[in-house]
Amino acid sequence: MLNDGRVIAYGAMGGDGQPQTQAMIFARHVLHGVPLDKAIDAPRWLLGRTWGSAHTNLRLESRFSEGLVDRLLSAGHDVEVLPDAYSDTMGHVGAVVLHPDGTLEGVHDPRADGGAAGI
């Protein structure tokens, strides 16, 4: 439950990357005020292993700017830009928000099949 009265329920698939994805969505939406659909749609990164992979590098979806990638590489980071704009490697998120006025907001991840629909 948030200080403004909203109640949010959300979760992510993605193996060892789940905590990173959940923290990313929370930070974007709750701390920085990014609309929920935009917070879930935004490019994602993943540091370390996930889904049994031996990779421990920083993986980025291809929608991050080349300037950011160049700065990370020049700082000595082991960076891999994934070929997909929306990569399954980043997991899938679903979220529902109950607003104080009783309305519900649901969002699904464009990285997966599915949808959010009202009744």
PDB file of N, CA and C in Angstrom:
ATOM      1  N   MET A   1       0.852  -1.164   0.000  1.00  0.00           N
ATOM      2  CA  MET A   1       0.000   0.000   0.000  1.00  0.00           C
ATOM      3  C   MET A   1       0.906   1.238   0.000  1.00  0.00           C
ATOM      4  N   LEU A   2       0.585   2.168  -0.880  1.00  0.00           N
ATOM      5  CA  LEU A   2       1.396   3.375  -1.014  1.00  0.00           C
ATOM      6  C   LEU A   2       0.800   4.515  -0.194  1.00  0.00           C
ATOM      7  N   ASN A   3       1.599   5.513   0.108  1.00  0.00           N
ATOM      8  CA  ASN A   3       1.160   6.639   0.940  1.00  0.00           C
ATOM      9  C   ASN A   3      -0.026   7.394   0.358  1.00  0.00           C
ATOM     10  N   ASP A   4      -0.188   7.356  -0.968  1.00  0.00           N
ATOM     11  CA  ASP A   4      -1.295   8.082  -1.593  1.00  0.00           C
ATOM     12  C   ASP A   4      -2.589   7.262  -1.629  1.00  0.00           C
ATOM     13  N   GLY A   5      -2.574   6.078  -1.004  1.00  0.00           N
ATOM     14  CA  GLY A   5      -3.779   5.256  -0.929  1.00  0.00           C
ATOM     15  C   GLY A   5      -3.887   4.181  -1.982  1.00  0.00           C
ATOM     16  N   ARG A   6      -2.998   4.188  -2.970  1.00  0.00           N
ATOM     17  CA  ARG A   6      -3.025   3.125  -3.979  1.00  0.00           C
ATOM     18  C   ARG A   6      -2.506   1.829  -3.377  1.00  0.00           C
ATOM     19  N   VAL A   7      -3.072   0.733  -3.882  1.00  0.00           N
ATOM     20  CA  VAL A   7      -2.576  -0.588  -3.524  1.00  0.00           C
ATOM     21  C   VAL A   7      -2.080  -1.220  -4.825  1.00  0.00           C
ATOM     22  N   ILE A   8      -0.850  -1.662  -4.832  1.00  0.00           N
ATOM     23  CA  ILE A   8      -0.263  -2.222  -6.050  1.00  0.00           C
ATOM     24  C   ILE A   8       0.141  -3.670  -5.787  1.00  0.00           C
ATOM     25  N   ALA A   9      -0.221  -4.510  -6.744  1.00  0.00           N
ATOM     26  CA  ALA A   9       0.218  -5.908  -6.732  1.00  0.00           C
ATOM     27  C   ALA A   9       0.916  -6.144  -8.062  1.00  0.00           C
ATOM     28  N   TYR A  10       2.133  -6.621  -7.999  1.00  0.00           N
ATOM     29  CA  TYR A  10       2.874  -6.857  -9.233  1.00  0.00           C
ATOM     30  C   TYR A  10       3.880  -7.968  -9.015  1.00  0.00           C
ATOM     31  N   GLY A  11       4.322  -8.534 -10.101  1.00  0.00           N
ATOM     32  CA  GLY A  11       5.310  -9.589 -10.012  1.00  0.00           C
ATOM     33  C   GLY A  11       6.007  -9.757 -11.341  1.00  0.00           C
ATOM     34  N   ALA A  12       7.082 -10.514 -11.312  1.00  0.00           N
ATOM     35  CA  ALA A  12       7.880 -10.722 -12.514  1.00  0.00           C
ATOM     36  C   ALA A  12       8.341 -12.163 -12.595  1.00  0.00           C
ATOM     37  N   MET A  13       8.352 -12.685 -13.811  1.00  0.00           N
ATOM     38  CA  MET A  13       9.031 -13.937 -14.102  1.00  0.00           C
ATOM     39  C   MET A  13      10.455 -13.546 -14.485  1.00  0.00           C
ATOM     40  N   GLY A  14      11.365 -14.475 -14.404  1.00  0.00           N
ATOM     41  CA  GLY A  14      12.708 -14.152 -14.855  1.00  0.00           C
ATOM     42  C   GLY A  14      13.818 -14.737 -14.025  1.00  0.00           C
ATOM     43  N   GLY A  15      13.528 -15.778 -13.272  1.00  0.00           N
ATOM     44  CA  GLY A  15      14.584 -16.459 -12.526  1.00  0.00           C
ATOM     45  C   GLY A  15      15.325 -15.530 -11.591  1.00  0.00           C
ATOM     46  N   ASP A  16      16.650 -15.626 -11.603  1.00  0.00           N
ATOM     47  CA  ASP A  16      17.479 -14.835 -10.702  1.00  0.00           C
ATOM     48  C   ASP A  16      17.364 -13.334 -10.957  1.00  0.00           C
ATOM     49  N   GLY A  17      16.836 -12.945 -12.112  1.00  0.00           N
ATOM     50  CA  GLY A  17      16.679 -11.529 -12.437  1.00  0.00           C
ATOM     51  C   GLY A  17      15.417 -10.902 -11.873  1.00  0.00           C
ATOM     52  N   GLN A  18      14.537 -11.705 -11.265  1.00  0.00           N
ATOM     53  CA  GLN A  18      13.273 -11.176 -10.747  1.00  0.00           C
ATOM     54  C   GLN A  18      13.450  -9.997  -9.789  1.00  0.00           C
ATOM     55  N   PRO A  19      14.329 -10.095  -8.798  1.00  0.00           N
ATOM     56  CA  PRO A  19      14.460  -8.952  -7.879  1.00  0.00           C
ATOM     57  C   PRO A  19      14.893  -7.672  -8.587  1.00  0.00           C
ATOM     58  N   GLN A  20      15.762  -7.791  -9.587  1.00  0.00           N
ATOM     59  CA  GLN A  20      16.195  -6.605 -10.324  1.00  0.00           C
ATOM     60  C   GLN A  20      15.026  -5.993 -11.088  1.00  0.00           C
ATOM     61  N   THR A  21      14.254  -6.846 -11.755  1.00  0.00           N
ATOM     62  CA  THR A  21      13.124  -6.357 -12.540  1.00  0.00           C
ATOM     63  C   THR A  21      12.080  -5.727 -11.633  1.00  0.00           C
ATOM     64  N   GLN A  22      11.774  -6.374 -10.520  1.00  0.00           N
ATOM     65  CA  GLN A  22      10.774  -5.822  -9.604  1.00  0.00           C
ATOM     66  C   GLN A  22      11.228  -4.488  -9.032  1.00  0.00           C
ATOM     67  N   ALA A  23      12.494  -4.385  -8.658  1.00  0.00           N
ATOM     68  CA  ALA A  23      13.017  -3.121  -8.135  1.00  0.00           C
ATOM     69  C   ALA A  23      12.983  -2.033  -9.207  1.00  0.00           C
ATOM     70  N   MET A  24      13.296  -2.403 -10.452  1.00  0.00           N
ATOM     71  CA  MET A  24      13.291  -1.447 -11.558  1.00  0.00           C
ATOM     72  C   MET A  24      11.887  -0.883 -11.779  1.00  0.00           C
ATOM     73  N   ILE A  25      10.883  -1.756 -11.805  1.00  0.00           N
ATOM     74  CA  ILE A  25       9.505  -1.320 -12.027  1.00  0.00           C
ATOM     75  C   ILE A  25       9.043  -0.445 -10.863  1.00  0.00           C
ATOM     76  N   PHE A  26       9.316  -0.872  -9.635  1.00  0.00           N
ATOM     77  CA  PHE A  26       8.930  -0.092  -8.458  1.00  0.00           C
ATOM     78  C   PHE A  26       9.578   1.290  -8.490  1.00  0.00           C
ATOM     79  N   ALA A  27      10.874   1.337  -8.742  1.00  0.00           N
ATOM     80  CA  ALA A  27      11.586   2.620  -8.761  1.00  0.00           C
ATOM     81  C   ALA A  27      11.022   3.548  -9.830  1.00  0.00           C
ATOM     82  N   ARG A  28      10.810   3.015 -11.026  1.00  0.00           N
ATOM     83  CA  ARG A  28      10.292   3.855 -12.107  1.00  0.00           C
ATOM     84  C   ARG A  28       8.903   4.387 -11.778  1.00  0.00           C
ATOM     85  N   HIS A  29       8.010   3.490 -11.345  1.00  0.00           N
ATOM     86  CA  HIS A  29       6.616   3.885 -11.147  1.00  0.00           C
ATOM     87  C   HIS A  29       6.397   4.649  -9.837  1.00  0.00           C
ATOM     88  N   VAL A  30       6.837   4.090  -8.730  1.00  0.00           N
ATOM     89  CA  VAL A  30       6.521   4.664  -7.428  1.00  0.00           C
ATOM     90  C   VAL A  30       7.466   5.813  -7.074  1.00  0.00           C
ATOM     91  N   LEU A  31       8.750   5.617  -7.238  1.00  0.00           N
ATOM     92  CA  LEU A  31       9.706   6.644  -6.820  1.00  0.00           C
ATOM     93  C   LEU A  31       9.845   7.788  -7.819  1.00  0.00           C
ATOM     94  N   HIS A  32       9.726   7.463  -9.126  1.00  0.00           N
ATOM     95  CA  HIS A  32       9.947   8.488 -10.152  1.00  0.00           C
ATOM     96  C   HIS A  32       8.680   8.920 -10.879  1.00  0.00           C
ATOM     97  N   GLY A  33       7.531   8.337 -10.528  1.00  0.00           N
ATOM     98  CA  GLY A  33       6.257   8.782 -11.086  1.00  0.00           C
ATOM     99  C   GLY A  33       6.002   8.435 -12.541  1.00  0.00           C
ATOM    100  N   VAL A  34       6.729   7.484 -13.078  1.00  0.00           N
ATOM    101  CA  VAL A  34       6.506   7.063 -14.462  1.00  0.00           C
ATOM    102  C   VAL A  34       5.190   6.279 -14.508  1.00  0.00           C
ATOM    103  N   PRO A  35       4.292   6.589 -15.449  1.00  0.00           N
ATOM    104  CA  PRO A  35       3.054   5.813 -15.547  1.00  0.00           C
ATOM    105  C   PRO A  35       3.363   4.312 -15.618  1.00  0.00           C
ATOM    106  N   LEU A  36       2.499   3.509 -15.022  1.00  0.00           N
ATOM    107  CA  LEU A  36       2.762   2.079 -14.890  1.00  0.00           C
ATOM    108  C   LEU A  36       3.048   1.408 -16.227  1.00  0.00           C
ATOM    109  N   ASP A  37       2.253   1.716 -17.255  1.00  0.00           N
ATOM    110  CA  ASP A  37       2.485   1.080 -18.555  1.00  0.00           C
ATOM    111  C   ASP A  37       3.841   1.456 -19.134  1.00  0.00           C
ATOM    112  N   LYS A  38       4.254   2.697 -18.940  1.00  0.00           N
ATOM    113  CA  LYS A  38       5.563   3.156 -19.442  1.00  0.00           C
ATOM    114  C   LYS A  38       6.703   2.543 -18.620  1.00  0.00           C
ATOM    115  N   ALA A  39       6.488   2.387 -17.313  1.00  0.00           N
ATOM    116  CA  ALA A  39       7.513   1.792 -16.451  1.00  0.00           C
ATOM    117  C   ALA A  39       7.785   0.345 -16.854  1.00  0.00           C
ATOM    118  N   ILE A  40       6.735  -0.382 -17.222  1.00  0.00           N
ATOM    119  CA  ILE A  40       6.894  -1.782 -17.637  1.00  0.00           C
ATOM    120  C   ILE A  40       7.442  -1.882 -19.052  1.00  0.00           C
ATOM    121  N   ASP A  41       7.068  -0.954 -19.909  1.00  0.00           N
ATOM    122  CA  ASP A  41       7.515  -0.966 -21.303  1.00  0.00           C
ATOM    123  C   ASP A  41       8.974  -0.539 -21.474  1.00  0.00           C
ATOM    124  N   ALA A  42       9.479   0.294 -20.597  1.00  0.00           N
ATOM    125  CA  ALA A  42      10.808   0.890 -20.753  1.00  0.00           C
ATOM    126  C   ALA A  42      11.901  -0.175 -20.892  1.00  0.00           C
ATOM    127  N   PRO A  43      13.013   0.185 -21.558  1.00  0.00           N
ATOM    128  CA  PRO A  43      14.117  -0.771 -21.725  1.00  0.00           C
ATOM    129  C   PRO A  43      14.622  -1.289 -20.379  1.00  0.00           C
ATOM    130  N   ARG A  44      15.042  -2.532 -20.379  1.00  0.00           N
ATOM    131  CA  ARG A  44      15.532  -3.159 -19.145  1.00  0.00           C
ATOM    132  C   ARG A  44      16.966  -3.627 -19.292  1.00  0.00           C
ATOM    133  N   TRP A  45      17.594  -3.767 -18.147  1.00  0.00           N
ATOM    134  CA  TRP A  45      18.950  -4.309 -18.052  1.00  0.00           C
ATOM    135  C   TRP A  45      18.911  -5.454 -17.066  1.00  0.00           C
ATOM    136  N   LEU A  46      19.929  -6.272 -17.117  1.00  0.00           N
ATOM    137  CA  LEU A  46      20.048  -7.411 -16.210  1.00  0.00           C
ATOM    138  C   LEU A  46      21.525  -7.633 -15.928  1.00  0.00           C
ATOM    139  N   LEU A  47      21.879  -7.671 -14.662  1.00  0.00           N
ATOM    140  CA  LEU A  47      23.256  -7.913 -14.264  1.00  0.00           C
ATOM    141  C   LEU A  47      23.353  -9.279 -13.614  1.00  0.00           C
ATOM    142  N   GLY A  48      24.186 -10.120 -14.170  1.00  0.00           N
ATOM    143  CA  GLY A  48      24.433 -11.423 -13.572  1.00  0.00           C
ATOM    144  C   GLY A  48      23.621 -12.547 -14.169  1.00  0.00           C
ATOM    145  N   ARG A  49      23.680 -13.664 -13.468  1.00  0.00           N
ATOM    146  CA  ARG A  49      23.045 -14.885 -13.945  1.00  0.00           C
ATOM    147  C   ARG A  49      21.520 -14.805 -13.877  1.00  0.00           C
ATOM    148  N   THR A  50      20.883 -15.522 -14.760  1.00  0.00           N
ATOM    149  CA  THR A  50      19.452 -15.739 -14.694  1.00  0.00           C
ATOM    150  C   THR A  50      19.092 -16.945 -15.544  1.00  0.00           C
ATOM    151  N   TRP A  51      18.032 -17.614 -15.192  1.00  0.00           N
ATOM    152  CA  TRP A  51      17.494 -18.755 -15.928  1.00  0.00           C
ATOM    153  C   TRP A  51      18.558 -19.819 -16.187  1.00  0.00           C
ATOM    154  N   GLY A  52      19.468 -20.031 -15.261  1.00  0.00           N
ATOM    155  CA  GLY A  52      20.488 -21.055 -15.408  1.00  0.00           C
ATOM    156  C   GLY A  52      21.640 -20.672 -16.319  1.00  0.00           C
ATOM    157  N   SER A  53      21.667 -19.452 -16.802  1.00  0.00           N
ATOM    158  CA  SER A  53      22.735 -18.986 -17.679  1.00  0.00           C
ATOM    159  C   SER A  53      24.023 -18.770 -16.885  1.00  0.00           C
ATOM    160  N   ALA A  54      25.150 -19.018 -17.530  1.00  0.00           N
ATOM    161  CA  ALA A  54      26.446 -18.792 -16.888  1.00  0.00           C
ATOM    162  C   ALA A  54      26.918 -17.342 -17.055  1.00  0.00           C
ATOM    163  N   HIS A  55      26.195 -16.535 -17.850  1.00  0.00           N
ATOM    164  CA  HIS A  55      26.581 -15.142 -18.067  1.00  0.00           C
ATOM    165  C   HIS A  55      26.513 -14.360 -16.763  1.00  0.00           C
ATOM    166  N   THR A  56      27.534 -13.576 -16.497  1.00  0.00           N
ATOM    167  CA  THR A  56      27.525 -12.711 -15.319  1.00  0.00           C
ATOM    168  C   THR A  56      27.708 -11.249 -15.713  1.00  0.00           C
ATOM    169  N   ASN A  57      27.627 -10.964 -16.991  1.00  0.00           N
ATOM    170  CA  ASN A  57      27.841  -9.604 -17.470  1.00  0.00           C
ATOM    171  C   ASN A  57      26.560  -8.774 -17.359  1.00  0.00           C
ATOM    172  N   LEU A  58      26.644  -7.536 -17.802  1.00  0.00           N
ATOM    173  CA  LEU A  58      25.499  -6.641 -17.856  1.00  0.00           C
ATOM    174  C   LEU A  58      24.878  -6.776 -19.245  1.00  0.00           C
ATOM    175  N   ARG A  59      23.625  -7.181 -19.280  1.00  0.00           N
ATOM    176  CA  ARG A  59      22.909  -7.312 -20.554  1.00  0.00           C
ATOM    177  C   ARG A  59      21.857  -6.215 -20.653  1.00  0.00           C
ATOM    178  N   LEU A  60      21.786  -5.610 -21.819  1.00  0.00           N
ATOM    179  CA  LEU A  60      20.862  -4.503 -22.064  1.00  0.00           C
ATOM    180  C   LEU A  60      19.984  -4.818 -23.263  1.00  0.00           C
ATOM    181  N   GLU A  61      18.723  -4.412 -23.188  1.00  0.00           N
ATOM    182  CA  GLU A  61      17.889  -4.478 -24.386  1.00  0.00           C
ATOM    183  C   GLU A  61      18.427  -3.457 -25.385  1.00  0.00           C
ATOM    184  N   SER A  62      18.166  -3.678 -26.654  1.00  0.00           N
ATOM    185  CA  SER A  62      18.769  -2.854 -27.710  1.00  0.00           C
ATOM    186  C   SER A  62      18.219  -1.428 -27.770  1.00  0.00           C
ATOM    187  N   ARG A  63      17.226  -1.098 -26.984  1.00  0.00           N
ATOM    188  CA  ARG A  63      16.638   0.249 -27.034  1.00  0.00           C
ATOM    189  C   ARG A  63      17.403   1.274 -26.204  1.00  0.00           C
ATOM    190  N   PHE A  64      18.426   0.849 -25.440  1.00  0.00           N
ATOM    191  CA  PHE A  64      19.252   1.819 -24.727  1.00  0.00           C
ATOM    192  C   PHE A  64      20.106   2.574 -25.743  1.00  0.00           C
ATOM    193  N   SER A  65      20.434   3.809 -25.431  1.00  0.00           N
ATOM    194  CA  SER A  65      21.200   4.631 -26.374  1.00  0.00           C
ATOM    195  C   SER A  65      22.630   4.102 -26.530  1.00  0.00           C
ATOM    196  N   GLU A  66      23.165   4.293 -27.728  1.00  0.00           N
ATOM    197  CA  GLU A  66      24.553   3.892 -27.983  1.00  0.00           C
ATOM    198  C   GLU A  66      25.506   4.659 -27.079  1.00  0.00           C
ATOM    199  N   GLY A  67      25.157   5.912 -26.767  1.00  0.00           N
ATOM    200  CA  GLY A  67      26.008   6.716 -25.892  1.00  0.00           C
ATOM    201  C   GLY A  67      26.144   6.090 -24.514  1.00  0.00           C
ATOM    202  N   LEU A  68      25.056   5.566 -23.987  1.00  0.00           N
ATOM    203  CA  LEU A  68      25.103   4.901 -22.690  1.00  0.00           C
ATOM    204  C   LEU A  68      25.975   3.658 -22.755  1.00  0.00           C
ATOM    205  N   VAL A  69      25.776   2.869 -23.810  1.00  0.00           N
ATOM    206  CA  VAL A  69      26.565   1.645 -23.976  1.00  0.00           C
ATOM    207  C   VAL A  69      28.045   1.994 -24.079  1.00  0.00           C
ATOM    208  N   ASP A  70      28.366   3.005 -24.859  1.00  0.00           N
ATOM    209  CA  ASP A  70      29.767   3.422 -25.013  1.00  0.00           C
ATOM    210  C   ASP A  70      30.372   3.864 -23.678  1.00  0.00           C
ATOM    211  N   ARG A  71      29.615   4.607 -22.882  1.00  0.00           N
ATOM    212  CA  ARG A  71      30.118   5.057 -21.579  1.00  0.00           C
ATOM    213  C   ARG A  71      30.353   3.876 -20.640  1.00  0.00           C
ATOM    214  N   LEU A  72      29.444   2.903 -20.666  1.00  0.00           N
ATOM    215  CA  LEU A  72      29.622   1.721 -19.818  1.00  0.00           C
ATOM    216  C   LEU A  72      30.855   0.926 -20.232  1.00  0.00           C
ATOM    217  N   LEU A  73      31.028   0.744 -21.542  1.00  0.00           N
ATOM    218  CA  LEU A  73      32.192   0.015 -22.048  1.00  0.00           C
ATOM    219  C   LEU A  73      33.487   0.749 -21.714  1.00  0.00           C
ATOM    220  N   SER A  74      33.481   2.065 -21.879  1.00  0.00           N
ATOM    221  CA  SER A  74      34.709   2.828 -21.609  1.00  0.00           C
ATOM    222  C   SER A  74      35.044   2.843 -20.118  1.00  0.00           C
ATOM    223  N   ALA A  75      34.047   2.602 -19.265  1.00  0.00           N
ATOM    224  CA  ALA A  75      34.292   2.511 -17.820  1.00  0.00           C
ATOM    225  C   ALA A  75      34.755   1.115 -17.420  1.00  0.00           C
ATOM    226  N   GLY A  76      34.873   0.204 -18.407  1.00  0.00           N
ATOM    227  CA  GLY A  76      35.397  -1.124 -18.131  1.00  0.00           C
ATOM    228  C   GLY A  76      34.359  -2.201 -17.852  1.00  0.00           C
ATOM    229  N   HIS A  77      33.087  -1.897 -18.031  1.00  0.00           N
ATOM    230  CA  HIS A  77      32.039  -2.889 -17.784  1.00  0.00           C
ATOM    231  C   HIS A  77      31.956  -3.894 -18.921  1.00  0.00           C
ATOM    232  N   ASP A  78      31.635  -5.135 -18.574  1.00  0.00           N
ATOM    233  CA  ASP A  78      31.402  -6.205 -19.541  1.00  0.00           C
ATOM    234  C   ASP A  78      29.933  -6.113 -19.950  1.00  0.00           C
ATOM    235  N   VAL A  79      29.677  -5.510 -21.107  1.00  0.00           N
ATOM    236  CA  VAL A  79      28.314  -5.211 -21.545  1.00  0.00           C
ATOM    237  C   VAL A  79      27.980  -6.011 -22.797  1.00  0.00           C
ATOM    238  N   GLU A  80      26.780  -6.553 -22.811  1.00  0.00           N
ATOM    239  CA  GLU A  80      26.252  -7.235 -23.990  1.00  0.00           C
ATOM    240  C   GLU A  80      24.914  -6.585 -24.335  1.00  0.00           C
ATOM    241  N   VAL A  81      24.800  -6.071 -25.557  1.00  0.00           N
ATOM    242  CA  VAL A  81      23.531  -5.531 -26.020  1.00  0.00           C
ATOM    243  C   VAL A  81      22.799  -6.668 -26.725  1.00  0.00           C
ATOM    244  N   LEU A  82      21.651  -7.028 -26.187  1.00  0.00           N
ATOM    245  CA  LEU A  82      20.865  -8.114 -26.767  1.00  0.00           C
ATOM    246  C   LEU A  82      20.229  -7.650 -28.071  1.00  0.00           C
ATOM    247  N   PRO A  83      20.036  -8.538 -29.027  1.00  0.00           N
ATOM    248  CA  PRO A  83      19.510  -8.119 -30.326  1.00  0.00           C
ATOM    249  C   PRO A  83      18.048  -7.680 -30.294  1.00  0.00           C
ATOM    250  N   ASP A  84      17.320  -8.107 -29.274  1.00  0.00           N
ATOM    251  CA  ASP A  84      15.891  -7.810 -29.224  1.00  0.00           C
ATOM    252  C   ASP A  84      15.612  -6.499 -28.497  1.00  0.00           C
ATOM    253  N   ALA A  85      14.660  -5.740 -29.033  1.00  0.00           N
ATOM    254  CA  ALA A  85      14.214  -4.522 -28.359  1.00  0.00           C
ATOM    255  C   ALA A  85      13.458  -4.868 -27.077  1.00  0.00           C
ATOM    256  N   TYR A  86      12.726  -5.973 -27.125  1.00  0.00           N
ATOM    257  CA  TYR A  86      11.983  -6.503 -25.975  1.00  0.00           C
ATOM    258  C   TYR A  86      12.417  -7.956 -25.812  1.00  0.00           C
ATOM    259  N   SER A  87      13.286  -8.220 -24.855  1.00  0.00           N
ATOM    260  CA  SER A  87      13.894  -9.534 -24.710  1.00  0.00           C
ATOM    261  C   SER A  87      13.246 -10.363 -23.596  1.00  0.00           C
ATOM    262  N   ASP A  88      12.975 -11.640 -23.906  1.00  0.00           N
ATOM    263  CA  ASP A  88      12.486 -12.581 -22.895  1.00  0.00           C
ATOM    264  C   ASP A  88      13.479 -12.738 -21.746  1.00  0.00           C
ATOM    265  N   THR A  89      14.738 -12.485 -22.003  1.00  0.00           N
ATOM    266  CA  THR A  89      15.772 -12.597 -20.967  1.00  0.00           C
ATOM    267  C   THR A  89      15.443 -11.707 -19.766  1.00  0.00           C
ATOM    268  N   MET A  90      14.732 -10.636 -20.019  1.00  0.00           N
ATOM    269  CA  MET A  90      14.410  -9.673 -18.968  1.00  0.00           C
ATOM    270  C   MET A  90      13.185 -10.058 -18.152  1.00  0.00           C
ATOM    271  N   GLY A  91      12.589 -11.198 -18.443  1.00  0.00           N
ATOM    272  CA  GLY A  91      11.407 -11.629 -17.708  1.00  0.00           C
ATOM    273  C   GLY A  91      10.154 -10.932 -18.189  1.00  0.00           C
ATOM    274  N   HIS A  92       9.059 -11.247 -17.538  1.00  0.00           N
ATOM    275  CA  HIS A  92       7.749 -10.698 -17.888  1.00  0.00           C
ATOM    276  C   HIS A  92       7.097 -10.163 -16.619  1.00  0.00           C
ATOM    277  N   VAL A  93       6.484  -9.000 -16.715  1.00  0.00           N
ATOM    278  CA  VAL A  93       5.867  -8.347 -15.566  1.00  0.00           C
ATOM    279  C   VAL A  93       4.367  -8.225 -15.769  1.00  0.00           C
ATOM    280  N   GLY A  94       3.633  -8.375 -14.703  1.00  0.00           N
ATOM    281  CA  GLY A  94       2.209  -8.079 -14.678  1.00  0.00           C
ATOM    282  C   GLY A  94       1.930  -7.245 -13.443  1.00  0.00           C
ATOM    283  N   ALA A  95       0.981  -6.295 -13.550  1.00  0.00           N
ATOM    284  CA  ALA A  95       0.703  -5.426 -12.413  1.00  0.00           C
ATOM    285  C   ALA A  95      -0.761  -4.994 -12.404  1.00  0.00           C
ATOM    286  N   VAL A  96      -1.279  -4.824 -11.206  1.00  0.00           N
ATOM    287  CA  VAL A  96      -2.624  -4.290 -10.997  1.00  0.00           C
ATOM    288  C   VAL A  96      -2.528  -3.255  -9.878  1.00  0.00           C
ATOM    289  N   VAL A  97      -3.181  -2.120 -10.096  1.00  0.00           N
ATOM    290  CA  VAL A  97      -3.230  -1.074  -9.078  1.00  0.00           C
ATOM    291  C   VAL A  97      -4.689  -0.791  -8.745  1.00  0.00           C
ATOM    292  N   LEU A  98      -5.005  -0.793  -7.461  1.00  0.00           N
ATOM    293  CA  LEU A  98      -6.314  -0.359  -6.977  1.00  0.00           C
ATOM    294  C   LEU A  98      -6.145   1.079  -6.521  1.00  0.00           C
ATOM    295  N   HIS A  99      -6.832   1.991  -7.202  1.00  0.00           N
ATOM    296  CA  HIS A  99      -6.746   3.414  -6.866  1.00  0.00           C
ATOM    297  C   HIS A  99      -7.727   3.749  -5.746  1.00  0.00           C
ATOM    298  N   PRO A 100      -7.470   4.822  -4.990  1.00  0.00           N
ATOM    299  CA  PRO A 100      -8.344   5.182  -3.867  1.00  0.00           C
ATOM    300  C   PRO A 100      -9.816   5.381  -4.257  1.00  0.00           C
ATOM    301  N   ASP A 101     -10.052   5.776  -5.520  1.00  0.00           N
ATOM    302  CA  ASP A 101     -11.446   5.973  -5.953  1.00  0.00           C
ATOM    303  C   ASP A 101     -12.122   4.668  -6.375  1.00  0.00           C
ATOM    304  N   GLY A 102     -11.413   3.546  -6.231  1.00  0.00           N
ATOM    305  CA  GLY A 102     -11.980   2.240  -6.549  1.00  0.00           C
ATOM    306  C   GLY A 102     -11.703   1.739  -7.953  1.00  0.00           C
ATOM    307  N   THR A 103     -11.096   2.572  -8.790  1.00  0.00           N
ATOM    308  CA  THR A 103     -10.777   2.102 -10.138  1.00  0.00           C
ATOM    309  C   THR A 103      -9.562   1.186 -10.104  1.00  0.00           C
ATOM    310  N   LEU A 104      -9.540   0.284 -11.061  1.00  0.00           N
ATOM    311  CA  LEU A 104      -8.426  -0.650 -11.206  1.00  0.00           C
ATOM    312  C   LEU A 104      -7.642  -0.318 -12.460  1.00  0.00           C
ATOM    313  N   GLU A 105      -6.338  -0.459 -12.369  1.00  0.00           N
ATOM    314  CA  GLU A 105      -5.442  -0.272 -13.510  1.00  0.00           C
ATOM    315  C   GLU A 105      -4.629  -1.545 -13.652  1.00  0.00           C
ATOM    316  N   GLY A 106      -4.671  -2.150 -14.826  1.00  0.00           N
ATOM    317  CA  GLY A 106      -3.904  -3.362 -15.070  1.00  0.00           C
ATOM    318  C   GLY A 106      -2.995  -3.185 -16.263  1.00  0.00           C
ATOM    319  N   VAL A 107      -1.792  -3.736 -16.172  1.00  0.00           N
ATOM    320  CA  VAL A 107      -0.819  -3.618 -17.253  1.00  0.00           C
ATOM    321  C   VAL A 107      -0.125  -4.957 -17.439  1.00  0.00           C
ATOM    322  N   HIS A 108       0.074  -5.329 -18.704  1.00  0.00           N
ATOM    323  CA  HIS A 108       0.844  -6.535 -19.006  1.00  0.00           C
ATOM    324  C   HIS A 108       2.112  -6.124 -19.744  1.00  0.00           C
ATOM    325  N   ASP A 109       3.057  -7.018 -19.779  1.00  0.00           N
ATOM    326  CA  ASP A 109       4.371  -6.770 -20.364  1.00  0.00           C
ATOM    327  C   ASP A 109       4.355  -7.040 -21.860  1.00  0.00           C
ATOM    328  N   PRO A 110       4.856  -6.107 -22.672  1.00  0.00           N
ATOM    329  CA  PRO A 110       4.932  -6.365 -24.111  1.00  0.00           C
ATOM    330  C   PRO A 110       5.943  -7.456 -24.472  1.00  0.00           C
ATOM    331  N   ARG A 111       6.725  -7.916 -23.500  1.00  0.00           N
ATOM    332  CA  ARG A 111       7.695  -8.984 -23.739  1.00  0.00           C
ATOM    333  C   ARG A 111       7.037 -10.359 -23.719  1.00  0.00           C
ATOM    334  N   ALA A 112       5.731 -10.415 -23.458  1.00  0.00           N
ATOM    335  CA  ALA A 112       5.045 -11.698 -23.325  1.00  0.00           C
ATOM    336  C   ALA A 112       3.657 -11.624 -23.943  1.00  0.00           C
ATOM    337  N   ASP A 113       3.107 -12.794 -24.202  1.00  0.00           N
ATOM    338  CA  ASP A 113       1.712 -12.855 -24.611  1.00  0.00           C
ATOM    339  C   ASP A 113       0.867 -12.496 -23.410  1.00  0.00           C
ATOM    340  N   GLY A 114      -0.300 -11.998 -23.651  1.00  0.00           N
ATOM    341  CA  GLY A 114      -1.199 -11.699 -22.552  1.00  0.00           C
ATOM    342  C   GLY A 114      -1.840 -10.357 -22.749  1.00  0.00           C
ATOM    343  N   GLY A 115      -2.506  -9.927 -21.733  1.00  0.00           N
ATOM    344  CA  GLY A 115      -3.181  -8.637 -21.802  1.00  0.00           C
ATOM    345  C   GLY A 115      -3.820  -8.302 -20.486  1.00  0.00           C
ATOM    346  N   ALA A 116      -4.258  -7.069 -20.397  1.00  0.00           N
ATOM    347  CA  ALA A 116      -5.002  -6.608 -19.233  1.00  0.00           C
ATOM    348  C   ALA A 116      -6.285  -6.005 -19.780  1.00  0.00           C
ATOM    349  N   ALA A 117      -7.424  -6.436 -19.277  1.00  0.00           N
ATOM    350  CA  ALA A 117      -8.705  -5.951 -19.763  1.00  0.00           C
ATOM    351  C   ALA A 117      -9.645  -5.753 -18.599  1.00  0.00           C
ATOM    352  N   GLY A 118     -10.501  -4.766 -18.705  1.00  0.00           N
ATOM    353  CA  GLY A 118     -11.478  -4.477 -17.661  1.00  0.00           C
ATOM    354  C   GLY A 118     -12.821  -5.110 -17.977  1.00  0.00           C
ATOM    355  N   ILE A 119     -13.640  -5.144 -16.957  1.00  0.00           N
ATOM    356  CA  ILE A 119     -14.994  -5.696 -17.106  1.00  0.00           C
ATOM    357  C   ILE A 119     -15.989  -4.565 -16.966  1.00  0.00           C
TER     358      ILE A 119
END
